[in-house]
Amino acid sequence: MVFLVNSNIFAQTGWTVHSTGTNKPMRDIYFVDANTGWAVGDSVIVKSTNGGVNWVQQNFYYPGGALLLAVKFLNQNTGYAGGGKFTSEYSHAQYLFKTTNGGNNWNLIWNNTYFGWINNILIINENIVYLTLSGWVEMNALGGFYKSTDGGLNFNQCYAGGSISSLSFINENTGWTICNATSDIINYKSSKVLKTSNGGANWTVQYRDSGQYSATINTVQFINEYTGYAIGYKYYDKTVFYKTTNGGTNWDTIIFNHNRNYSLFFLNPNTGWISGWCSTDSSSIYYTINGGSNWQKQFKNYTYSVSRLNFINSLYGWAVLGYNSSNILRTTTGGVVFVNNISSEIPEKYSLSQNYPNPFNPSTNLKYQIKDSRFVTLKVYDITGKEITTLVNEKQSPGTYEVKFEAGDLPSGVYFYKLTTEDYSETRKMILLK
C-alpha cells in the first residue's frame, strides 16, 4: 500500500549566491518588496527588480569616490545612501545621498566633517530620518547620532558619546541604540544599550557591558515596546545574543562559543536570523522560531562572512557577503530547504536517483529513498571536491524524498551530489549548463 503525503521537512540551507555584476564589494542591501531592492558599495549603487537575481548599476558619481556603507528606502521612489571616509588622521567626512525616483538620480543632500562614517540609516516617514555614525581614531571609538525632521535637508546631532553602530525605533518617539566606547587601557571597552522616549532628545542607559575583554554589541532591534534583541561578539570567536521582554530593563544572554555574529533581523518575537563570521564547524547564518531559545544552522560556508540581513516576510530575505565580495545572498524560503516527503511507503533499499532535469539551469530536483529511520545528509560538491552546500542534515523516517537544488550564481560545470546515512553512501553527477 502506498500513502502519498504532502508534508514538508525543513533542511539546512536555502540561500543562494548572486552576482551584482560589479567588482566592488557590497556593504549594505535593502528591499522594499519581493522584487525591488538596492545594494551599495564602494562608489556604486545597484538595483534589482526581480528579487536580487539580476542587478543594474545606477547613475551615481561622486568626485574622489564615495564609500557607501548604508542604504534605506521609504518606498519604491524615496531612498537614502550614506557613507564616509578619512579626511585626515583625526577626522572623517560623512556624506548622504537622496533619490526621489527610485535611484535613477542621486543627489548629495548632506556633507559633514565629524568623527565616524554613516553606517546606518533609519527612515520613520517622509520627514523624519536618523543617521548613526561609527568610526575610530587611533584606539578610540567615536561617532554620533543625527536626526532630520525635514526629509534630510537639515540634520541635528542628538548624541555624541561614542561609536553608534545600530538604531531601532518602534514609533516616532521610542527607540533604542548601541554605543561603543574605548579607552587607553588595552582591551578595555564599553558597550551600552540606550533608550529614548522623546525622539532622541534624551537617552537613558539601560544596559552596559564594560571592562577588559568585554563584549562589543553591534546590532539592536525591537519588535514592539517590550520585546527586543541585540547581538555582539566577545574575543574573536564568541557570539553574545541578548534578549529583553520588558522594554530593555532586563536582558538575558546566550553565548555561542564557536563563531562571531554581529548582524540580526527579527520578523516577530519568535522568528529571526543572526549572521556574521563562522569557524570551520559552524555557520554564517542561524535561524530561530522560538525567540532565540534554540538556533538552527542555515548557511555553512567558510569563505564568507554574512552581514546586513534584510527580510520582508518569513520567506524573502537578503544579505551581503562580508567586505570582500561583490555578491549577495538571497532566499525565497526563509533560508531553509523544503524537503518534500513524496511517499511514506517503506522502500526495499536505499537509493539516490539521477537529478532531473539534467543538464539544468538554474534548478534541479534530487530524489532519494531510505528504508530505515536514519540520520541523512545530502551534500553538493564541485568538480574539485569542495563542498558547495548541505541540502539535508537531519534524521528522517523511511520513505521517498525530493529536494530542489538552486544553483544561484554558480558557474556552469560538473557538480556532484552525495547521499550519506550510517550504512549507505552514493554519489551522482549533474551538469549545470548556463
Protein backbone atom coordinates (compact mmCIF):
# COMPACT_ATOMS: atom_id res chain seq x y z
CA MET A 1 0.00 0.00 0.00
CA VAL A 2 1.28 3.45 -0.92
CA PHE A 3 0.49 6.56 1.12
CA LEU A 4 1.07 9.84 -0.71
CA VAL A 5 1.69 12.76 1.60
CA ASN A 6 2.34 16.46 1.15
CA SER A 7 4.40 17.15 4.23
CA ASN A 8 7.47 19.37 4.02
CA ILE A 9 10.58 18.94 6.13
CA PHE A 10 12.94 21.82 6.72
CA ALA A 11 16.56 21.11 5.84
CA GLN A 12 19.59 23.26 6.45
CA THR A 13 20.41 25.51 3.50
CA GLY A 14 18.08 27.68 1.45
CA TRP A 15 20.37 30.56 0.50
CA THR A 16 21.77 31.16 -2.99
CA VAL A 17 24.66 33.41 -4.05
CA HIS A 18 24.03 36.00 -6.79
CA SER A 19 26.39 38.38 -8.55
CA THR A 20 25.66 42.11 -8.55
CA GLY A 21 27.52 42.48 -11.85
CA THR A 22 30.23 44.72 -10.41
CA ASN A 23 33.69 44.13 -8.97
CA LYS A 24 33.00 46.32 -5.93
CA PRO A 25 32.38 44.73 -2.51
CA MET A 26 28.81 45.28 -1.30
CA ARG A 27 28.31 46.85 2.15
CA ASP A 28 24.52 47.04 2.59
CA ILE A 29 21.30 45.82 0.95
CA TYR A 30 17.64 46.77 1.28
CA PHE A 31 14.42 45.58 -0.37
CA VAL A 32 11.01 47.28 -0.23
CA ASP A 33 9.16 44.25 -1.60
CA ALA A 34 9.87 40.80 -3.04
CA ASN A 35 11.19 42.26 -6.30
CA THR A 36 12.62 45.74 -5.76
CA GLY A 37 15.83 46.36 -3.87
CA TRP A 38 19.16 48.19 -3.81
CA ALA A 39 22.71 47.35 -2.73
CA VAL A 40 25.59 49.76 -2.16
CA GLY A 41 29.37 49.53 -2.01
CA ASP A 42 32.49 51.48 -2.86
CA SER A 43 31.24 54.26 -5.20
CA VAL A 44 28.49 52.04 -6.59
CA ILE A 45 24.71 51.61 -6.25
CA VAL A 46 22.94 48.71 -7.94
CA LYS A 47 19.22 47.97 -8.24
CA SER A 48 17.25 44.76 -8.76
CA THR A 49 13.67 44.43 -9.97
CA ASN A 50 13.49 40.63 -9.85
CA GLY A 51 14.26 39.86 -6.23
CA GLY A 52 18.05 40.05 -6.41
CA VAL A 53 18.62 37.59 -9.23
CA ASN A 54 19.86 40.30 -11.61
CA TRP A 55 21.23 43.77 -10.89
CA VAL A 56 21.66 47.00 -12.85
CA GLN A 57 24.18 49.68 -11.91
CA GLN A 58 22.55 53.06 -11.24
CA ASN A 59 23.56 56.54 -12.23
CA PHE A 60 25.82 57.52 -9.33
CA TYR A 61 29.01 59.55 -9.22
CA TYR A 62 30.85 61.46 -6.51
CA PRO A 63 34.19 63.23 -7.12
CA GLY A 64 37.00 61.31 -5.47
CA GLY A 65 34.75 58.31 -4.81
CA ALA A 66 32.27 57.54 -2.06
CA LEU A 67 32.47 54.52 0.20
CA LEU A 68 28.77 53.77 0.75
CA LEU A 69 28.01 51.75 3.88
CA ALA A 70 24.24 52.11 4.29
CA VAL A 71 21.10 52.24 2.15
CA LYS A 72 17.42 52.54 3.09
CA PHE A 73 14.22 53.25 1.16
CA LEU A 74 10.87 54.55 2.37
CA ASN A 75 9.10 53.25 -0.73
CA GLN A 76 9.95 52.44 -4.36
CA ASN A 77 10.85 56.08 -5.06
CA THR A 78 12.37 57.71 -1.97
CA GLY A 79 15.63 56.42 -0.56
CA TYR A 80 18.94 57.38 1.04
CA ALA A 81 22.51 56.08 0.73
CA GLY A 82 25.33 57.17 3.03
CA GLY A 83 28.94 56.53 3.97
CA GLY A 84 32.19 58.33 4.66
CA LYS A 85 35.96 58.41 4.50
CA PHE A 86 39.00 59.67 6.38
CA THR A 87 39.82 63.31 5.68
CA SER A 88 42.83 63.33 8.00
CA GLU A 89 44.37 61.19 10.69
CA TYR A 90 41.89 62.54 13.24
CA SER A 91 38.69 63.27 11.33
CA HIS A 92 36.17 61.77 8.91
CA ALA A 93 33.88 63.06 6.19
CA GLN A 94 30.27 61.93 6.03
CA TYR A 95 28.02 62.19 3.00
CA LEU A 96 24.38 61.36 2.42
CA PHE A 97 22.66 61.00 -0.94
CA LYS A 98 18.93 61.00 -1.67
CA THR A 99 16.78 59.83 -4.56
CA THR A 100 13.11 60.51 -5.24
CA ASN A 101 12.84 58.50 -8.46
CA GLY A 102 13.86 55.00 -7.42
CA GLY A 103 17.57 55.61 -7.81
CA ASN A 104 17.64 56.94 -11.37
CA ASN A 105 19.27 60.05 -9.90
CA TRP A 106 21.10 60.56 -6.62
CA ASN A 107 21.73 64.00 -5.11
CA LEU A 108 24.14 64.90 -2.32
CA ILE A 109 21.98 66.41 0.44
CA TRP A 110 24.32 66.36 3.43
CA ASN A 111 28.08 66.61 3.74
CA ASN A 112 29.67 66.89 7.15
CA THR A 113 33.03 66.55 8.87
CA TYR A 114 32.96 64.77 12.21
CA PHE A 115 34.14 61.54 13.78
CA GLY A 116 32.88 58.39 12.08
CA TRP A 117 31.10 57.30 8.92
CA ILE A 118 27.39 56.94 8.28
CA ASN A 119 26.85 53.23 8.85
CA ASN A 120 23.11 53.10 9.46
CA ILE A 121 20.04 54.94 8.16
CA LEU A 122 16.55 54.73 9.63
CA ILE A 123 13.55 56.29 7.89
CA ILE A 124 10.46 56.89 10.04
CA ASN A 125 8.40 58.77 7.45
CA GLU A 126 8.81 61.37 4.67
CA ASN A 127 10.23 63.89 7.15
CA ILE A 128 12.00 62.05 9.97
CA VAL A 129 15.33 60.39 9.13
CA TYR A 130 18.00 59.16 11.55
CA LEU A 131 21.71 58.58 10.89
CA THR A 132 24.26 56.75 13.03
CA LEU A 133 27.99 57.50 12.82
CA SER A 134 30.64 54.97 13.74
CA GLY A 135 34.41 55.26 13.46
CA TRP A 136 37.80 55.01 15.08
CA VAL A 137 40.69 57.38 15.68
CA GLU A 138 43.75 55.54 16.96
CA MET A 139 42.26 53.31 19.71
CA ASN A 140 39.23 55.48 20.41
CA ALA A 141 35.72 54.61 19.18
CA LEU A 142 34.00 57.79 18.06
CA GLY A 143 30.74 58.70 16.36
CA GLY A 144 27.32 60.19 16.92
CA PHE A 145 23.63 60.18 16.20
CA TYR A 146 21.84 62.66 13.93
CA LYS A 147 18.19 63.43 13.20
CA SER A 148 16.38 65.25 10.40
CA THR A 149 12.77 66.42 10.57
CA ASP A 150 12.62 67.83 7.03
CA GLY A 151 13.40 64.85 4.82
CA GLY A 152 17.17 65.15 5.06
CA LEU A 153 17.59 68.84 4.28
CA ASN A 154 18.98 69.54 7.76
CA PHE A 155 20.37 67.30 10.49
CA ASN A 156 20.88 67.98 14.20
CA GLN A 157 23.16 65.99 16.46
CA CYS A 158 21.26 64.15 19.19
CA TYR A 159 24.00 62.13 20.85
CA ALA A 160 27.80 62.07 20.82
CA GLY A 161 29.09 59.58 23.35
CA GLY A 162 30.95 57.06 21.21
CA SER A 163 30.62 54.91 18.13
CA ILE A 164 26.94 54.37 17.29
CA SER A 165 26.53 51.07 15.47
CA SER A 166 22.78 50.43 15.36
CA LEU A 167 19.38 52.04 15.82
CA SER A 168 15.81 50.74 16.21
CA PHE A 169 12.59 52.74 16.62
CA ILE A 170 9.05 51.40 17.05
CA ASN A 171 7.45 54.84 16.50
CA GLU A 172 8.49 58.49 16.18
CA ASN A 173 9.38 58.79 19.87
CA THR A 174 10.51 55.44 21.24
CA GLY A 175 13.79 53.94 20.14
CA TRP A 176 17.00 52.18 21.16
CA THR A 177 20.61 52.49 20.04
CA ILE A 178 24.01 50.91 20.64
CA CYS A 179 27.03 52.96 21.73
CA ASN A 180 30.56 51.56 21.90
CA ALA A 181 33.46 53.36 23.55
CA THR A 182 37.09 52.54 24.26
CA SER A 183 39.90 53.87 26.42
CA ASP A 184 43.68 53.90 26.53
CA ILE A 185 43.62 50.75 28.65
CA ILE A 186 44.48 47.76 26.47
CA ASN A 187 41.39 45.72 25.51
CA TYR A 188 39.13 47.88 27.69
CA LYS A 189 35.84 48.89 26.11
CA SER A 190 32.25 49.68 26.95
CA SER A 191 29.10 48.72 25.07
CA LYS A 192 25.80 50.33 26.04
CA VAL A 193 22.16 49.96 25.07
CA LEU A 194 20.39 53.32 25.33
CA LYS A 195 16.70 54.19 25.10
CA THR A 196 14.83 57.36 24.19
CA SER A 197 11.14 58.12 24.65
CA ASN A 198 11.19 61.60 23.10
CA GLY A 199 12.54 61.11 19.61
CA GLY A 200 16.23 61.15 20.52
CA ALA A 201 16.28 64.36 22.57
CA ASN A 202 17.29 62.43 25.69
CA TRP A 203 18.83 59.00 26.18
CA THR A 204 18.95 56.65 29.16
CA VAL A 205 21.46 53.82 29.56
CA GLN A 206 19.60 50.52 30.01
CA TYR A 207 22.42 48.02 29.75
CA ARG A 208 26.20 48.24 29.95
CA ASP A 209 28.95 45.69 29.38
CA SER A 210 32.32 47.20 30.21
CA GLY A 211 35.78 46.19 31.28
CA GLN A 212 38.74 44.39 29.77
CA TYR A 213 37.68 41.83 27.15
CA SER A 214 34.02 42.76 27.49
CA ALA A 215 31.56 42.16 24.65
CA THR A 216 31.13 44.55 21.74
CA ILE A 217 27.42 44.90 20.92
CA ASN A 218 26.80 45.59 17.22
CA THR A 219 23.09 45.45 16.43
CA VAL A 220 19.82 46.08 18.28
CA GLN A 221 16.25 45.55 17.10
CA PHE A 222 12.93 45.92 18.89
CA ILE A 223 9.75 44.22 17.66
CA ASN A 224 7.43 46.13 19.98
CA GLU A 225 7.65 48.16 23.17
CA TYR A 226 8.55 45.10 25.21
CA THR A 227 10.48 42.61 23.07
CA GLY A 228 13.93 43.44 21.75
CA TYR A 229 17.12 41.69 20.66
CA ALA A 230 20.77 42.60 20.37
CA ILE A 231 23.89 40.79 19.23
CA GLY A 232 27.62 41.23 19.56
CA TYR A 233 30.86 39.36 20.00
CA LYS A 234 33.46 38.66 22.65
CA TYR A 235 37.11 37.96 21.89
CA TYR A 236 37.36 36.72 18.30
CA ASP A 237 35.21 33.61 18.36
CA LYS A 238 32.30 34.11 20.76
CA THR A 239 28.86 35.50 19.96
CA VAL A 240 26.69 37.09 22.65
CA PHE A 241 22.94 37.15 21.96
CA TYR A 242 20.78 39.44 24.12
CA LYS A 243 17.01 39.41 24.63
CA THR A 244 14.61 41.56 26.65
CA THR A 245 10.87 41.16 27.23
CA ASN A 246 10.36 44.25 29.37
CA GLY A 247 11.46 47.08 27.09
CA GLY A 248 15.16 46.82 27.90
CA THR A 249 15.01 46.99 31.68
CA ASN A 250 16.49 43.49 31.92
CA TRP A 251 18.44 41.47 29.36
CA ASP A 252 19.07 37.73 29.14
CA THR A 253 22.16 36.49 27.29
CA ILE A 254 23.19 33.40 25.36
CA ILE A 255 26.85 32.84 24.41
CA PHE A 256 27.91 30.90 21.32
CA ASN A 257 31.47 29.61 21.69
CA HIS A 258 32.24 28.89 18.04
CA ASN A 259 31.60 31.93 15.89
CA ARG A 260 31.37 35.72 15.73
CA ASN A 261 27.95 37.05 14.76
CA TYR A 262 27.17 40.75 14.51
CA SER A 263 24.00 41.09 12.41
CA LEU A 264 20.40 40.15 13.23
CA PHE A 265 16.89 40.51 11.88
CA PHE A 266 13.63 39.52 13.60
CA LEU A 267 10.21 39.50 11.94
CA ASN A 268 8.27 38.95 15.15
CA PRO A 269 9.01 37.86 18.74
CA ASN A 270 9.65 34.28 17.59
CA THR A 271 11.19 34.28 14.11
CA GLY A 272 14.64 35.68 13.48
CA TRP A 273 18.08 35.25 11.95
CA ILE A 274 21.62 36.13 13.07
CA SER A 275 24.74 36.21 10.90
CA GLY A 276 28.43 37.01 10.86
CA TRP A 277 31.73 35.21 10.62
CA CYS A 278 31.90 31.46 11.23
CA SER A 279 34.58 28.94 12.16
CA THR A 280 35.03 25.68 10.25
CA ASP A 281 32.47 23.74 12.30
CA SER A 282 29.86 26.46 12.46
CA SER A 283 27.51 28.51 10.29
CA SER A 284 27.42 32.06 8.92
CA ILE A 285 23.63 32.24 9.39
CA TYR A 286 21.49 30.86 12.20
CA TYR A 287 17.69 30.72 12.39
CA THR A 288 15.25 30.60 15.33
CA ILE A 289 11.50 30.08 15.56
CA ASN A 290 11.24 30.37 19.35
CA GLY A 291 12.68 33.78 20.09
CA GLY A 292 16.30 32.69 20.34
CA SER A 293 15.99 29.78 22.75
CA ASN A 294 17.18 27.39 20.03
CA TRP A 295 19.06 28.01 16.78
CA GLN A 296 19.46 26.06 13.55
CA LYS A 297 22.34 26.38 11.08
CA GLN A 298 21.38 27.70 7.65
CA PHE A 299 24.44 28.77 5.66
CA LYS A 300 27.66 26.89 6.35
CA ASN A 301 30.30 28.48 4.16
CA TYR A 302 33.81 29.17 5.41
CA THR A 303 34.62 31.61 2.60
CA TYR A 304 32.18 34.35 3.53
CA SER A 305 31.12 36.42 6.46
CA VAL A 306 27.47 37.47 6.21
CA SER A 307 26.03 40.81 7.33
CA ARG A 308 23.14 43.27 6.83
CA LEU A 309 20.30 40.77 6.96
CA ASN A 310 17.08 42.13 5.43
CA PHE A 311 13.73 40.31 5.29
CA ILE A 312 10.33 41.49 4.06
CA ASN A 313 8.43 38.42 5.31
CA SER A 314 9.10 34.88 6.53
CA LEU A 315 10.26 33.71 3.08
CA TYR A 316 12.07 36.51 1.22
CA GLY A 317 15.39 37.72 2.59
CA TRP A 318 18.79 39.05 1.52
CA ALA A 319 22.25 39.72 2.95
CA VAL A 320 25.68 40.92 1.83
CA LEU A 321 28.76 38.72 1.87
CA GLY A 322 31.35 40.45 4.00
CA TYR A 323 33.71 43.17 2.82
CA ASN A 324 35.49 41.32 0.03
CA SER A 325 32.64 40.06 -2.13
CA SER A 326 30.55 41.78 -4.79
CA ASN A 327 27.94 39.03 -4.44
CA ILE A 328 24.80 38.98 -2.33
CA LEU A 329 22.78 36.21 -0.67
CA ARG A 330 19.12 35.60 -1.43
CA THR A 331 16.46 33.27 -0.06
CA THR A 332 12.83 32.68 -1.04
CA THR A 333 12.25 30.02 1.62
CA GLY A 334 13.27 31.81 4.81
CA GLY A 335 16.70 30.24 4.48
CA VAL A 336 15.53 26.64 4.67
CA VAL A 337 15.26 23.96 2.01
CA PHE A 338 11.89 22.27 1.66
CA VAL A 339 12.46 18.52 1.56
CA ASN A 340 9.24 17.00 0.24
CA ASN A 341 8.32 13.60 1.64
CA ILE A 342 6.51 12.36 -1.51
CA SER A 343 5.79 8.82 -0.28
CA SER A 344 5.74 7.07 3.08
CA GLU A 345 5.84 3.59 1.58
CA ILE A 346 8.87 1.81 3.03
CA PRO A 347 11.38 1.22 0.20
CA GLU A 348 13.16 -2.11 -0.16
CA LYS A 349 16.57 -0.43 -0.31
CA TYR A 350 18.40 2.87 -0.15
CA SER A 351 18.73 4.68 -3.47
CA LEU A 352 19.73 8.01 -4.97
CA SER A 353 18.12 8.85 -8.33
CA GLN A 354 19.59 10.85 -11.17
CA ASN A 355 18.65 14.50 -10.89
CA TYR A 356 16.08 15.95 -13.25
CA PRO A 357 16.29 17.93 -15.38
CA ASN A 358 19.92 17.27 -16.27
CA PRO A 359 21.64 19.35 -17.58
CA PHE A 360 19.84 22.08 -15.64
CA ASN A 361 19.65 25.85 -15.20
CA PRO A 362 19.14 27.22 -12.59
CA SER A 363 17.45 24.49 -10.51
CA THR A 364 17.09 20.72 -10.48
CA ASN A 365 15.32 18.08 -8.37
CA LEU A 366 17.12 15.42 -6.34
CA LYS A 367 15.15 12.33 -5.26
CA TYR A 368 16.25 9.61 -2.85
CA GLN A 369 14.85 6.72 -0.80
CA ILE A 370 15.73 5.49 2.69
CA LYS A 371 14.47 2.16 4.05
CA ASP A 372 15.21 2.69 7.75
CA SER A 373 14.97 5.60 10.13
CA ARG A 374 18.41 7.15 9.80
CA PHE A 375 20.34 10.39 10.08
CA VAL A 376 20.65 11.59 6.48
CA THR A 377 22.94 14.07 4.78
CA LEU A 378 22.68 15.23 1.17
CA LYS A 379 25.52 17.46 0.03
CA VAL A 380 26.60 19.11 -3.22
CA TYR A 381 30.26 19.36 -4.29
CA ASP A 382 32.08 20.99 -7.19
CA ILE A 383 34.50 19.22 -9.55
CA THR A 384 37.42 19.78 -7.12
CA GLY A 385 35.58 18.11 -4.24
CA LYS A 386 34.83 21.35 -2.39
CA GLU A 387 31.52 21.30 -0.54
CA ILE A 388 29.07 23.79 -2.07
CA THR A 389 26.07 23.32 0.19
CA THR A 390 24.31 20.94 2.56
CA LEU A 391 20.74 20.29 1.45
CA VAL A 392 19.74 17.74 4.10
CA ASN A 393 21.26 17.17 7.53
CA GLU A 394 18.71 15.51 9.82
CA LYS A 395 17.12 12.27 10.98
CA GLN A 396 14.40 11.06 8.58
CA SER A 397 11.79 8.30 8.63
CA PRO A 398 11.62 5.65 5.91
CA GLY A 399 10.19 6.91 2.63
CA THR A 400 10.87 8.71 -0.63
CA TYR A 401 12.07 12.30 -0.54
CA GLU A 402 12.68 15.05 -3.05
CA VAL A 403 14.55 18.33 -2.69
CA LYS A 404 15.17 21.17 -5.12
CA PHE A 405 18.73 22.41 -5.60
CA GLU A 406 19.08 26.06 -6.63
CA ALA A 407 22.39 26.77 -8.38
CA GLY A 408 22.11 30.53 -7.98
CA ASP A 409 25.27 32.21 -9.24
CA LEU A 410 27.35 29.03 -9.52
CA PRO A 411 29.27 28.78 -12.82
CA SER A 412 28.49 26.19 -15.47
CA GLY A 413 30.22 22.86 -14.93
CA VAL A 414 30.09 19.41 -13.43
CA TYR A 415 28.83 19.01 -9.87
CA PHE A 416 28.28 16.01 -7.62
CA TYR A 417 25.62 15.29 -5.02
CA LYS A 418 26.18 12.70 -2.30
CA LEU A 419 23.64 10.93 -0.09
CA THR A 420 25.02 9.51 3.18
CA THR A 421 23.47 7.51 6.04
CA GLU A 422 25.00 5.30 8.72
CA ASP A 423 25.19 2.30 6.38
CA TYR A 424 24.83 3.72 2.86
CA SER A 425 26.54 6.24 0.63
CA GLU A 426 26.05 7.09 -3.04
CA THR A 427 27.26 9.88 -5.31
CA ARG A 428 25.88 11.04 -8.65
CA LYS A 429 27.00 13.61 -11.21
CA MET A 430 24.94 16.52 -12.53
CA ILE A 431 25.67 19.25 -15.08
CA LEU A 432 24.89 22.93 -14.71
CA LEU A 433 24.64 24.49 -18.16
CA LYS A 434 24.06 28.25 -18.36
